[in-house]
Amino acid sequence: VVALPESTNHRIKRQPTETVSTAATGKNYSTAAFASLFPNHSRAAREMKKIRPKFSMSGVLNDTKNTTLRSASSAADDDSRAVVDGNDDDGKKYDFDLLVIGAGSGGIASARRAASYGAKVAVVEMGLLGGTCVNVGCVPKKVMWNAASISETLHDMHHYGFSGYESGAVRFDWGFIQRSRDAYIERLNDIYDRNMINSGVTRLTGKASLAQSDNDGVDDGGVKVIVTPIGNSGGGQQSDQLMQQQQQHQTIKAKHILLATGGYPEMPQGTDGSIPRHAISSDGFFELETLPRRAVVVGAGYIAVELAGVLQALGTETSLVVRKERALRNFDDMISETLDTEMERHGIIIFRNTNGVSKISLDDQTALKTVVLNNGEVIKDVDVVIMAAGRRPAVESLNLKNVGVKQKDGGYISVNEYSETNIDGVYAVGDVCGNVELTPMAIAAGRRLADRLFGHPSLQNAKVSYQNVPTVVFSHPPIGTIGLTEKEAIKKYGEENIKVYKSKFSNLYYGPWKVDPSEKPKTAMKLVCAGTNEQVVGLHVIGMGADEM
């Protein structure tokens, strides 16, 4: 981002500052140097580490001492970031130019980009910084995928002259990688925190909801945000006091409000309500303290096949339950068919055309579960059942209906191509919109929105494109895809105008293997072209290295 002269940033009314900050100086301080500038923040950061909440829909602060709003630095140290009244050029009073609800990838990206233009920005979050991707998504998933890939390499090493695997000398410590993974995520949480501070973004800890402002001469109408501290009383003598603390809230007015609260795993009830009692979600996978002996993964999307592949590669006897014929049905047929074959080759047991799980029972003596499927099939002696059968937008606490924000099927927030909702000054990006639920898309949409709202006038039409978005699935083997499937291309352009190039082969990695060529894992590629000039409209790859491609 090129820093523009102050005269060109005509949309932002900057607040005066009396303290030196990285946003003002443009310097990139080290962690230690920056901590010395803001000792109060460092103390607050240490306190936050003591109360690290679980990242989930019920993720709340577990320490009753921390049921207050927390800004990036204390108001006493940095008056420029305190919540104070300021007048915008429309004559209305605002506390912030931009208030972001949700500190995931999209929300933080938008907040920092807006702050780089001189906007006064705050982010409200009640859980861990970084959202789904950092805490229970891309990052920890990729760590586990790497571990699974190493396991596969060790299993294959005898094909290259290495020995010792069969002796049992090679052991896998689930607890070790779990601790290392979680420590890495904690470092990322801290990095996100420091980045917001360095950008001059205020952080508010609590639950945010929208409310309609009163046009009574005191309040200028529009939408305001109510931020309520979150605590966990846990009963006891302090319950009454805590309840009073939780009643306290802060009302914030912002010229622009961005909804970036992301999503969470959907948990079906089953025919008797037993599924939530005896199954965990895909988020819960990262809370497992031991490697299960036998696991059932329910779902046909990329999350389900990724988790199933990781577990199977690390030694768990894994079953995959899909509602219809196979997983990844919305991908190109070549991808889903090849993956289906390779998963079975890896030893994953696939239960097909099940129409999902009916119920789960628990044997109290053995602590093992029995999974009954809707087609009558039964899976017995299961340690862990992981439900990965879809996700929902995290909108329940936002109070959208009362302020008139339109939603689509499934509760997703309806936005136009500029990330605008139907309410003036209220926007949404990321998984909460249900367009393309990928981290890079949320980041791009958030940045383009900030460019348009606060950047140079030449950026007033900035927007993100949801067309031709590349996607990687960290299955075993991995998948890379972009553009239209073959069926989609035929539907759009007509079969007579489509030409498809395909290739299937064994990766050179498997060349020295002394096995029948038909048994070697395959790489498959497809190029979908349209028109007389054969414009590429779809590209699909599955096989070793597809993710890096």
Protein backbone atom coordinates (compact mmCIF):
# COMPACT_ATOMS: atom_id res chain seq x y z
CA VAL A 1 0.00 0.00 0.00
CA VAL A 2 1.43 3.38 -1.00
CA ALA A 3 1.11 6.03 1.70
CA LEU A 4 -0.84 8.94 0.24
CA PRO A 5 -0.28 12.60 1.06
CA GLU A 6 -2.53 13.78 3.87
CA SER A 7 -4.39 16.15 1.60
CA THR A 8 -5.61 13.28 -0.55
CA ASN A 9 -7.03 11.33 2.38
CA HIS A 10 -9.96 13.69 2.41
CA ARG A 11 -12.48 11.19 3.76
CA ILE A 12 -10.92 10.74 7.18
CA LYS A 13 -11.03 13.22 10.01
CA ARG A 14 -7.97 12.30 12.04
CA GLN A 15 -7.96 12.52 15.80
CA PRO A 16 -5.07 14.41 17.43
CA THR A 17 -2.50 12.33 19.23
CA GLU A 18 -0.18 13.25 22.02
CA THR A 19 1.86 10.07 22.17
CA VAL A 20 4.40 8.44 19.91
CA SER A 21 3.14 5.28 18.23
CA THR A 22 4.33 3.04 15.44
CA ALA A 23 1.40 4.22 13.33
CA ALA A 24 2.64 7.80 13.68
CA THR A 25 6.35 7.14 13.16
CA GLY A 26 6.09 4.40 10.55
CA LYS A 27 8.82 2.47 12.38
CA ASN A 28 8.76 -1.29 12.69
CA TYR A 29 9.78 -1.92 16.29
CA SER A 30 10.91 -5.31 17.53
CA THR A 31 8.64 -7.04 20.02
CA ALA A 32 10.88 -6.12 22.96
CA ALA A 33 11.32 -2.53 21.83
CA PHE A 34 7.62 -2.05 21.32
CA ALA A 35 6.83 -3.62 24.68
CA SER A 36 9.10 -1.07 26.33
CA LEU A 37 7.08 1.72 24.72
CA PHE A 38 3.79 0.39 26.07
CA PRO A 39 4.46 -1.33 29.41
CA ASN A 40 0.78 -1.36 30.31
CA HIS A 41 -0.03 -3.23 27.13
CA SER A 42 2.62 -5.83 27.86
CA ARG A 43 1.08 -6.39 31.26
CA ALA A 44 -2.36 -6.73 29.70
CA ALA A 45 -1.01 -9.19 27.14
CA ARG A 46 0.36 -11.39 29.92
CA GLU A 47 -3.01 -11.32 31.62
CA MET A 48 -4.74 -12.34 28.38
CA LYS A 49 -2.45 -15.37 28.04
CA LYS A 50 -3.73 -16.63 31.38
CA ILE A 51 -7.30 -16.72 30.17
CA ARG A 52 -6.90 -18.10 26.66
CA PRO A 53 -10.47 -19.10 25.78
CA LYS A 54 -11.34 -22.07 23.65
CA PHE A 55 -12.10 -21.05 20.09
CA SER A 56 -15.72 -22.05 19.67
CA MET A 57 -19.21 -20.61 19.61
CA SER A 58 -19.15 -20.75 23.41
CA GLY A 59 -15.58 -19.47 23.57
CA VAL A 60 -15.64 -16.94 26.36
CA LEU A 61 -13.17 -15.47 28.78
CA ASN A 62 -12.77 -17.83 31.70
CA ASP A 63 -11.24 -15.33 34.11
CA THR A 64 -13.78 -13.14 35.87
CA LYS A 65 -11.15 -10.49 36.44
CA ASN A 66 -11.08 -9.78 32.73
CA THR A 67 -14.72 -8.92 32.05
CA THR A 68 -13.89 -5.45 30.80
CA LEU A 69 -13.19 -4.03 27.39
CA ARG A 70 -9.55 -4.19 26.45
CA SER A 71 -8.02 -1.78 23.96
CA ALA A 72 -4.74 -2.21 22.14
CA SER A 73 -3.14 0.10 24.65
CA SER A 74 -4.61 1.70 27.72
CA ALA A 75 -6.46 4.96 27.28
CA ALA A 76 -4.13 6.52 29.79
CA ASP A 77 -1.14 5.70 27.61
CA ASP A 78 -2.64 6.55 24.24
CA ASP A 79 -5.50 9.01 24.13
CA SER A 80 -5.64 8.74 20.36
CA ARG A 81 -7.00 5.18 20.63
CA ALA A 82 -9.46 5.69 23.45
CA VAL A 83 -13.16 5.66 22.64
CA VAL A 84 -13.97 9.36 22.44
CA ASP A 85 -16.49 11.43 20.58
CA GLY A 86 -15.50 12.97 17.28
CA ASN A 87 -17.45 14.72 14.55
CA ASP A 88 -17.33 13.52 10.98
CA ASP A 89 -17.85 15.78 7.99
CA ASP A 90 -21.52 14.71 7.85
CA GLY A 91 -22.10 16.41 11.20
CA LYS A 92 -22.67 13.20 13.13
CA LYS A 93 -20.67 12.07 16.13
CA TYR A 94 -18.65 8.88 15.83
CA ASP A 95 -16.28 7.04 18.12
CA PHE A 96 -14.54 5.31 15.23
CA ASP A 97 -14.33 5.61 11.46
CA LEU A 98 -14.48 1.80 11.21
CA LEU A 99 -15.59 -0.74 13.79
CA VAL A 100 -14.91 -4.36 12.86
CA ILE A 101 -16.80 -7.15 14.61
CA GLY A 102 -14.66 -10.26 14.45
CA ALA A 103 -10.86 -10.57 14.60
CA GLY A 104 -10.43 -13.26 11.99
CA SER A 105 -8.35 -13.01 8.84
CA GLY A 106 -10.80 -10.80 6.94
CA GLY A 107 -11.64 -8.52 9.83
CA ILE A 108 -8.05 -7.85 10.88
CA ALA A 109 -6.93 -7.37 7.27
CA SER A 110 -9.61 -4.75 6.70
CA ALA A 111 -8.91 -3.02 10.02
CA ARG A 112 -5.18 -2.72 9.42
CA ARG A 113 -5.63 -1.55 5.84
CA ALA A 114 -8.10 1.12 6.96
CA ALA A 115 -5.73 2.25 9.73
CA SER A 116 -2.92 2.57 7.18
CA TYR A 117 -4.98 5.29 5.51
CA GLY A 118 -5.30 7.17 8.79
CA ALA A 119 -8.71 5.89 9.81
CA LYS A 120 -9.53 5.48 13.48
CA VAL A 121 -10.31 1.76 13.78
CA ALA A 122 -11.37 -0.70 16.45
CA VAL A 123 -11.90 -4.47 16.39
CA VAL A 124 -14.28 -6.32 18.72
CA GLU A 125 -13.54 -9.98 19.47
CA MET A 126 -14.55 -12.32 22.30
CA GLY A 127 -12.26 -15.21 21.39
CA LEU A 128 -8.75 -15.75 20.07
CA LEU A 129 -7.25 -13.50 17.42
CA GLY A 130 -6.92 -14.95 13.94
CA GLY A 131 -10.33 -16.55 13.63
CA THR A 132 -11.01 -20.02 12.29
CA CYS A 133 -7.98 -20.25 10.01
CA VAL A 134 -5.36 -19.61 12.68
CA ASN A 135 -6.98 -21.41 15.59
CA VAL A 136 -9.04 -24.36 14.29
CA GLY A 137 -8.59 -24.26 10.52
CA CYS A 138 -5.87 -23.89 7.92
CA VAL A 139 -2.89 -23.50 10.24
CA PRO A 140 -3.32 -26.36 12.75
CA LYS A 141 -4.79 -28.53 9.99
CA LYS A 142 -1.68 -28.04 7.84
CA VAL A 143 0.55 -28.88 10.80
CA MET A 144 -1.30 -32.16 11.25
CA TRP A 145 -1.25 -32.78 7.49
CA ASN A 146 2.53 -32.34 7.56
CA ALA A 147 2.78 -34.88 10.38
CA ALA A 148 0.63 -37.30 8.40
CA SER A 149 2.76 -36.78 5.30
CA ILE A 150 5.92 -37.59 7.28
CA SER A 151 4.23 -40.75 8.50
CA GLU A 152 3.52 -41.75 4.92
CA THR A 153 7.13 -41.08 3.92
CA LEU A 154 8.40 -43.25 6.77
CA HIS A 155 6.05 -46.02 5.66
CA ASP A 156 7.40 -45.74 2.12
CA MET A 157 11.10 -45.38 2.95
CA HIS A 158 11.98 -49.01 2.31
CA HIS A 159 11.32 -48.37 -1.40
CA TYR A 160 14.40 -46.13 -1.31
CA GLY A 161 16.65 -48.48 0.64
CA PHE A 162 15.94 -47.31 4.19
CA SER A 163 15.13 -49.87 6.85
CA GLY A 164 14.00 -49.86 10.47
CA TYR A 165 10.35 -48.94 10.11
CA GLU A 166 9.18 -52.51 10.59
CA SER A 167 11.24 -52.90 13.77
CA GLY A 168 8.97 -50.57 15.67
CA ALA A 169 11.80 -48.15 16.42
CA VAL A 170 9.85 -45.33 14.81
CA ARG A 171 7.15 -44.01 17.12
CA PHE A 172 4.68 -41.15 16.87
CA ASP A 173 3.90 -38.95 19.88
CA TRP A 174 0.51 -37.28 19.39
CA GLY A 175 0.94 -35.23 22.56
CA PHE A 176 4.23 -33.83 21.32
CA ILE A 177 2.86 -32.51 18.03
CA GLN A 178 -0.27 -31.23 19.78
CA ARG A 179 1.80 -29.18 22.24
CA SER A 180 4.13 -27.91 19.52
CA ARG A 181 1.20 -27.03 17.27
CA ASP A 182 -0.67 -25.17 20.01
CA ALA A 183 2.46 -23.26 21.04
CA TYR A 184 2.89 -22.17 17.43
CA ILE A 185 -0.71 -20.97 17.31
CA GLU A 186 -0.20 -19.00 20.52
CA ARG A 187 2.74 -17.25 18.87
CA LEU A 188 0.51 -16.42 15.91
CA ASN A 189 -2.15 -15.03 18.26
CA ASP A 190 0.50 -12.76 19.78
CA ILE A 191 1.73 -11.70 16.33
CA TYR A 192 -1.81 -10.71 15.33
CA ASP A 193 -2.07 -8.71 18.55
CA ARG A 194 1.22 -6.90 17.93
CA ASN A 195 0.33 -6.23 14.31
CA MET A 196 -2.90 -4.53 15.35
CA ILE A 197 -1.02 -2.44 17.90
CA ASN A 198 1.62 -1.49 15.35
CA SER A 199 -1.15 -0.46 12.98
CA GLY A 200 -2.85 1.70 15.62
CA VAL A 201 -5.98 -0.46 15.80
CA THR A 202 -7.89 -0.53 19.09
CA ARG A 203 -8.86 -3.97 20.36
CA LEU A 204 -12.05 -4.41 22.37
CA THR A 205 -12.67 -7.73 24.12
CA GLY A 206 -16.33 -8.67 24.39
CA LYS A 207 -19.46 -9.69 22.50
CA ALA A 208 -20.83 -7.23 19.96
CA SER A 209 -24.41 -6.80 18.78
CA LEU A 210 -26.12 -4.25 16.59
CA ALA A 211 -28.82 -1.90 17.78
CA GLN A 212 -30.93 0.78 16.18
CA SER A 213 -29.98 4.28 17.28
CA ASP A 214 -32.68 6.74 18.33
CA ASN A 215 -33.04 9.86 16.26
CA ASP A 216 -33.92 12.01 19.27
CA GLY A 217 -31.48 14.86 18.93
CA VAL A 218 -29.05 13.15 21.29
CA ASP A 219 -28.47 10.10 19.12
CA ASP A 220 -28.27 10.76 15.39
CA GLY A 221 -30.01 7.61 14.20
CA GLY A 222 -28.46 4.75 12.22
CA VAL A 223 -26.89 1.61 13.67
CA LYS A 224 -24.82 1.48 16.82
CA VAL A 225 -22.84 -1.35 18.38
CA ILE A 226 -23.29 -2.65 21.90
CA VAL A 227 -20.14 -4.31 23.28
CA THR A 228 -20.72 -6.51 26.31
CA PRO A 229 -17.87 -8.05 28.31
CA ILE A 230 -18.07 -11.83 28.53
CA GLY A 231 -17.30 -13.88 31.62
CA ASN A 232 -17.84 -17.35 33.01
CA SER A 233 -19.25 -17.24 36.53
CA GLY A 234 -19.01 -20.93 37.23
CA GLY A 235 -21.38 -20.47 40.20
CA GLY A 236 -20.20 -19.71 43.70
CA GLN A 237 -20.34 -16.61 45.84
CA GLN A 238 -19.14 -14.29 43.06
CA SER A 239 -22.02 -15.13 40.71
CA ASP A 240 -24.17 -12.14 41.67
CA GLN A 241 -21.25 -9.75 41.35
CA LEU A 242 -20.29 -11.20 37.99
CA MET A 243 -23.84 -10.96 36.72
CA GLN A 244 -23.77 -7.27 37.53
CA GLN A 245 -20.46 -6.91 35.70
CA GLN A 246 -21.90 -8.64 32.66
CA GLN A 247 -24.80 -6.21 32.57
CA GLN A 248 -22.32 -3.40 31.95
CA HIS A 249 -21.79 -2.63 28.32
CA GLN A 250 -20.39 0.05 26.08
CA THR A 251 -22.28 1.72 23.24
CA ILE A 252 -20.13 2.61 20.26
CA LYS A 253 -20.95 4.64 17.18
CA ALA A 254 -18.93 4.13 14.02
CA LYS A 255 -19.34 5.62 10.59
CA HIS A 256 -18.71 2.20 9.07
CA ILE A 257 -19.39 -1.19 10.69
CA LEU A 258 -17.89 -4.36 9.27
CA LEU A 259 -19.33 -7.77 10.18
CA ALA A 260 -16.61 -10.42 9.96
CA THR A 261 -17.62 -12.98 12.56
CA GLY A 262 -16.94 -16.06 10.42
CA GLY A 263 -18.62 -19.42 10.93
CA TYR A 264 -18.69 -22.52 13.10
CA PRO A 265 -19.29 -26.26 12.57
CA GLU A 266 -22.87 -27.41 12.35
CA MET A 267 -23.81 -30.19 14.75
CA PRO A 268 -26.87 -32.23 13.71
CA GLN A 269 -29.08 -33.62 16.45
CA GLY A 270 -29.87 -37.03 15.00
CA THR A 271 -33.14 -38.85 15.46
CA ASP A 272 -32.90 -38.89 19.26
CA GLY A 273 -30.65 -35.93 20.05
CA SER A 274 -27.69 -38.20 20.82
CA ILE A 275 -25.20 -36.88 18.26
CA PRO A 276 -24.13 -33.71 20.16
CA ARG A 277 -23.64 -35.80 23.34
CA HIS A 278 -21.35 -38.39 21.81
CA ALA A 279 -19.65 -36.68 18.86
CA ILE A 280 -17.21 -33.81 18.47
CA SER A 281 -17.06 -31.17 15.75
CA SER A 282 -14.18 -30.54 13.37
CA ASP A 283 -13.06 -27.86 15.83
CA GLY A 284 -12.97 -30.51 18.54
CA PHE A 285 -10.47 -32.52 16.51
CA PHE A 286 -7.79 -30.08 17.64
CA GLU A 287 -8.69 -30.72 21.29
CA LEU A 288 -8.03 -34.48 21.08
CA GLU A 289 -5.31 -35.36 23.58
CA THR A 290 -4.58 -38.84 22.24
CA LEU A 291 -4.62 -40.50 18.84
CA PRO A 292 -7.86 -42.49 18.62
CA ARG A 293 -7.62 -46.18 17.82
CA ARG A 294 -10.77 -46.09 15.71
CA ALA A 295 -12.53 -43.00 14.38
CA VAL A 296 -15.57 -42.16 12.28
CA VAL A 297 -15.57 -38.93 10.27
CA VAL A 298 -18.97 -37.78 9.00
CA GLY A 299 -19.13 -35.48 5.99
CA ALA A 300 -18.36 -35.24 2.29
CA GLY A 301 -16.65 -31.85 2.11
CA TYR A 302 -13.01 -30.90 2.15
CA ILE A 303 -12.83 -30.70 5.96
CA ALA A 304 -14.05 -34.28 6.31
CA VAL A 305 -11.65 -35.76 3.75
CA GLU A 306 -8.73 -33.79 5.21
CA LEU A 307 -9.33 -35.02 8.76
CA ALA A 308 -9.97 -38.58 7.61
CA GLY A 309 -6.72 -38.57 5.64
CA VAL A 310 -4.70 -37.25 8.58
CA LEU A 311 -6.08 -39.80 11.03
CA GLN A 312 -5.62 -42.75 8.69
CA ALA A 313 -2.04 -41.77 7.86
CA LEU A 314 -1.15 -41.43 11.54
CA GLY A 315 -2.44 -44.91 12.35
CA THR A 316 -6.11 -44.57 13.24
CA GLU A 317 -8.55 -47.04 11.70
CA THR A 318 -10.74 -44.48 9.97
CA SER A 319 -14.21 -44.65 8.45
CA LEU A 320 -15.71 -41.89 6.32
CA VAL A 321 -19.49 -41.57 6.26
CA VAL A 322 -20.97 -39.72 3.25
CA ARG A 323 -24.60 -39.02 2.55
CA LYS A 324 -24.43 -39.96 -1.14
CA GLU A 325 -22.06 -41.88 -3.39
CA ARG A 326 -18.71 -40.18 -2.64
CA ALA A 327 -16.99 -37.15 -1.16
CA LEU A 328 -16.30 -33.79 -2.87
CA ARG A 329 -19.28 -34.15 -5.19
CA ASN A 330 -19.15 -30.45 -6.10
CA PHE A 331 -15.63 -30.81 -7.48
CA ASP A 332 -14.84 -32.04 -10.98
CA ASP A 333 -15.69 -35.71 -11.41
CA MET A 334 -12.05 -36.56 -12.13
CA ILE A 335 -11.07 -35.10 -8.74
CA SER A 336 -13.76 -36.80 -6.68
CA GLU A 337 -13.36 -40.17 -8.42
CA THR A 338 -9.57 -40.20 -8.12
CA LEU A 339 -9.71 -39.14 -4.48
CA ASP A 340 -12.26 -41.86 -3.77
CA THR A 341 -9.94 -44.49 -5.20
CA GLU A 342 -6.89 -43.18 -3.36
CA MET A 343 -8.69 -42.94 0.00
CA GLU A 344 -9.68 -46.59 -0.26
CA ARG A 345 -6.12 -47.44 -1.29
CA HIS A 346 -4.95 -45.75 1.91
CA GLY A 347 -7.30 -47.97 3.90
CA ILE A 348 -10.12 -45.56 4.70
CA ILE A 349 -13.45 -47.37 4.93
CA ILE A 350 -16.14 -45.40 3.09
CA PHE A 351 -19.80 -45.80 3.98
CA ARG A 352 -21.81 -44.61 0.98
CA ASN A 353 -25.39 -43.51 0.38
CA THR A 354 -26.05 -43.39 4.12
CA ASN A 355 -28.12 -40.20 4.26
CA GLY A 356 -26.09 -39.34 7.36
CA VAL A 357 -26.01 -40.47 10.97
CA SER A 358 -29.20 -41.45 12.79
CA LYS A 359 -27.90 -41.81 16.35
CA ILE A 360 -24.87 -42.59 18.48
CA SER A 361 -24.85 -44.67 21.65
CA LEU A 362 -22.15 -44.98 24.31
CA ASP A 363 -21.13 -48.12 26.20
CA ASP A 364 -20.44 -46.85 29.71
CA GLN A 365 -18.19 -49.79 30.54
CA THR A 366 -15.90 -49.63 27.50
CA ALA A 367 -16.40 -45.92 26.64
CA LEU A 368 -16.78 -47.04 23.04
CA LYS A 369 -19.48 -45.70 20.74
CA THR A 370 -21.86 -47.32 18.27
CA VAL A 371 -22.85 -45.27 15.24
CA VAL A 372 -26.16 -46.06 13.54
CA LEU A 373 -26.56 -44.67 10.02
CA ASN A 374 -29.83 -43.63 8.41
CA ASN A 375 -29.55 -46.45 5.86
CA GLY A 376 -29.43 -49.03 8.66
CA GLU A 377 -25.69 -49.71 8.66
CA VAL A 378 -23.95 -49.83 12.04
CA ILE A 379 -20.35 -48.99 12.98
CA LYS A 380 -19.28 -50.45 16.33
CA ASP A 381 -16.44 -49.98 18.82
CA VAL A 382 -15.62 -46.40 17.86
CA ASP A 383 -13.41 -44.17 20.02
CA VAL A 384 -14.20 -40.83 18.39
CA VAL A 385 -16.95 -39.58 16.07
CA ILE A 386 -16.13 -36.34 14.25
CA MET A 387 -18.98 -34.43 12.65
CA ALA A 388 -17.81 -32.41 9.64
CA ALA A 389 -21.14 -32.14 7.90
CA GLY A 390 -21.26 -28.42 7.20
CA ARG A 391 -20.79 -24.99 8.75
CA ARG A 392 -23.04 -22.10 9.73
CA PRO A 393 -22.42 -18.35 9.90
CA ALA A 394 -21.75 -16.97 13.38
CA VAL A 395 -24.54 -14.39 13.38
CA GLU A 396 -26.72 -15.38 16.33
CA SER A 397 -25.46 -12.67 18.67
CA LEU A 398 -25.36 -9.85 16.12
CA ASN A 399 -29.06 -8.94 16.40
CA LEU A 400 -29.31 -8.62 12.61
CA LYS A 401 -33.10 -8.87 12.29
CA ASN A 402 -33.79 -6.07 14.73
CA VAL A 403 -31.74 -3.61 12.66
CA GLY A 404 -33.00 -4.96 9.34
CA VAL A 405 -29.89 -6.61 7.90
CA LYS A 406 -31.00 -9.05 5.19
CA GLN A 407 -29.88 -12.66 5.32
CA LYS A 408 -29.82 -15.47 2.78
CA ASP A 409 -30.67 -19.13 3.17
CA GLY A 410 -28.71 -20.63 6.02
CA GLY A 411 -28.47 -17.31 7.85
CA TYR A 412 -25.64 -15.93 5.73
CA ILE A 413 -25.51 -12.14 5.43
CA SER A 414 -26.57 -10.84 2.04
CA VAL A 415 -24.08 -8.43 0.44
CA ASN A 416 -23.55 -6.91 -2.98
CA GLU A 417 -20.33 -6.93 -5.00
CA TYR A 418 -18.93 -4.15 -2.79
CA SER A 419 -19.47 -6.12 0.46
CA GLU A 420 -22.36 -3.78 1.35
CA THR A 421 -25.42 -5.01 3.20
CA ASN A 422 -28.82 -3.42 2.65
CA ILE A 423 -28.18 -1.12 5.63
CA ASP A 424 -26.16 2.00 4.90
CA GLY A 425 -22.77 1.89 6.60
CA VAL A 426 -22.93 -1.82 7.47
CA TYR A 427 -20.75 -4.28 5.55
CA ALA A 428 -19.79 -7.96 5.73
CA VAL A 429 -16.87 -10.06 4.47
CA GLY A 430 -15.64 -13.63 4.84
CA ASP A 431 -17.40 -16.83 5.82
CA VAL A 432 -20.34 -14.94 7.32
CA CYS A 433 -21.41 -14.10 3.75
CA GLY A 434 -21.19 -17.68 2.44
CA ASN A 435 -19.74 -16.74 -0.94
CA VAL A 436 -16.27 -18.30 -1.19
CA GLU A 437 -15.36 -19.47 2.32
CA LEU A 438 -11.59 -19.28 2.03
CA THR A 439 -9.14 -17.24 4.09
CA PRO A 440 -7.45 -15.45 1.15
CA MET A 441 -10.87 -14.36 -0.12
CA ALA A 442 -11.81 -12.89 3.25
CA ILE A 443 -8.51 -11.03 3.40
CA ALA A 444 -8.88 -9.71 -0.13
CA ALA A 445 -12.49 -8.62 0.39
CA GLY A 446 -11.60 -6.88 3.65
CA ARG A 447 -8.71 -4.98 2.11
CA ARG A 448 -10.66 -3.93 -0.97
CA LEU A 449 -13.43 -2.60 1.26
CA ALA A 450 -10.95 -0.53 3.27
CA ASP A 451 -9.36 0.74 0.04
CA ARG A 452 -12.72 1.90 -1.23
CA LEU A 453 -13.88 3.52 2.00
CA PHE A 454 -10.66 5.20 3.11
CA GLY A 455 -8.22 5.13 0.23
CA HIS A 456 -7.50 7.48 -2.65
CA PRO A 457 -10.51 8.50 -4.79
CA SER A 458 -9.10 6.31 -7.57
CA LEU A 459 -9.99 3.31 -5.38
CA GLN A 460 -13.64 4.27 -4.91
CA ASN A 461 -14.77 1.31 -7.04
CA ALA A 462 -12.39 -1.23 -5.53
CA LYS A 463 -13.95 -4.65 -5.06
CA VAL A 464 -12.93 -8.26 -4.94
CA SER A 465 -13.71 -10.83 -7.61
CA TYR A 466 -15.16 -14.18 -6.58
CA GLN A 467 -14.47 -15.67 -10.00
CA ASN A 468 -11.62 -18.11 -10.69
CA VAL A 469 -10.52 -18.52 -7.09
CA PRO A 470 -7.79 -21.17 -6.71
CA THR A 471 -8.45 -23.76 -4.02
CA VAL A 472 -6.27 -26.38 -2.34
CA VAL A 473 -7.62 -29.37 -0.45
CA PHE A 474 -5.08 -31.01 1.88
CA SER A 475 -6.40 -34.49 1.36
CA HIS A 476 -4.19 -37.54 0.81
CA PRO A 477 -3.28 -36.98 -2.00
CA PRO A 478 -3.69 -33.19 -2.14
CA ILE A 479 -5.89 -31.35 -4.63
CA GLY A 480 -5.55 -28.09 -6.51
CA THR A 481 -8.40 -26.62 -8.53
CA ILE A 482 -9.52 -23.38 -10.16
CA GLY A 483 -12.35 -22.38 -12.47
CA LEU A 484 -15.20 -24.42 -13.88
CA THR A 485 -15.66 -28.16 -13.65
CA GLU A 486 -16.20 -29.97 -16.94
CA LYS A 487 -19.94 -30.22 -16.28
CA GLU A 488 -20.19 -26.53 -15.38
CA ALA A 489 -18.30 -25.55 -18.53
CA ILE A 490 -20.60 -27.65 -20.73
CA LYS A 491 -23.63 -26.07 -19.10
CA LYS A 492 -22.27 -22.56 -19.60
CA TYR A 493 -20.74 -22.83 -23.09
CA GLY A 494 -22.39 -25.91 -24.64
CA GLU A 495 -20.76 -29.29 -25.06
CA GLU A 496 -19.81 -28.59 -28.68
CA ASN A 497 -17.73 -25.59 -27.54
CA ILE A 498 -15.74 -27.43 -24.88
CA LYS A 499 -12.46 -29.29 -25.30
CA VAL A 500 -10.94 -31.20 -22.40
CA TYR A 501 -7.32 -32.29 -22.00
CA LYS A 502 -6.69 -35.05 -19.45
CA SER A 503 -3.68 -36.92 -18.13
CA LYS A 504 -3.18 -39.59 -15.49
CA PHE A 505 0.22 -40.92 -14.47
CA SER A 506 2.36 -42.10 -11.56
CA ASN A 507 4.59 -39.48 -9.99
CA LEU A 508 8.33 -40.04 -10.47
CA TYR A 509 8.52 -40.49 -6.68
CA TYR A 510 6.95 -43.90 -7.18
CA GLY A 511 9.28 -44.86 -10.04
CA PRO A 512 11.67 -47.10 -8.04
CA TRP A 513 8.87 -48.88 -6.22
CA LYS A 514 8.85 -52.59 -6.97
CA VAL A 515 5.08 -52.88 -7.20
CA ASP A 516 2.69 -53.38 -10.06
CA PRO A 517 2.20 -50.07 -11.95
CA SER A 518 -1.54 -50.31 -11.36
CA GLU A 519 -0.91 -50.18 -7.60
CA LYS A 520 1.12 -46.99 -7.68
CA PRO A 521 -0.74 -43.84 -6.52
CA LYS A 522 -1.82 -41.70 -9.44
CA THR A 523 -1.66 -38.04 -10.33
CA ALA A 524 -4.55 -36.83 -12.50
CA MET A 525 -4.85 -33.55 -14.38
CA LYS A 526 -7.60 -31.95 -16.41
CA LEU A 527 -7.61 -28.78 -18.49
CA VAL A 528 -11.07 -27.51 -19.49
CA CYS A 529 -11.08 -25.16 -22.50
CA ALA A 530 -13.86 -23.20 -24.19
CA GLY A 531 -14.33 -21.67 -27.63
CA THR A 532 -12.31 -21.79 -30.82
CA ASN A 533 -9.35 -20.14 -29.12
CA GLU A 534 -9.51 -22.78 -26.36
CA GLN A 535 -9.56 -20.34 -23.49
CA VAL A 536 -8.74 -22.17 -20.26
CA VAL A 537 -11.82 -22.01 -18.02
CA GLY A 538 -10.98 -24.81 -15.59
CA LEU A 539 -7.86 -26.51 -14.24
CA HIS A 540 -7.93 -29.47 -11.86
CA VAL A 541 -5.05 -31.48 -10.36
CA ILE A 542 -4.90 -34.25 -7.77
CA GLY A 543 -1.72 -35.98 -6.72
CA MET A 544 1.58 -35.49 -4.93
CA GLY A 545 2.68 -31.84 -5.19
CA ALA A 546 -0.67 -30.53 -6.38
CA ASP A 547 -0.87 -28.22 -3.37
CA GLU A 548 2.45 -26.54 -4.16
CA MET A 549 1.60 -26.33 -7.84
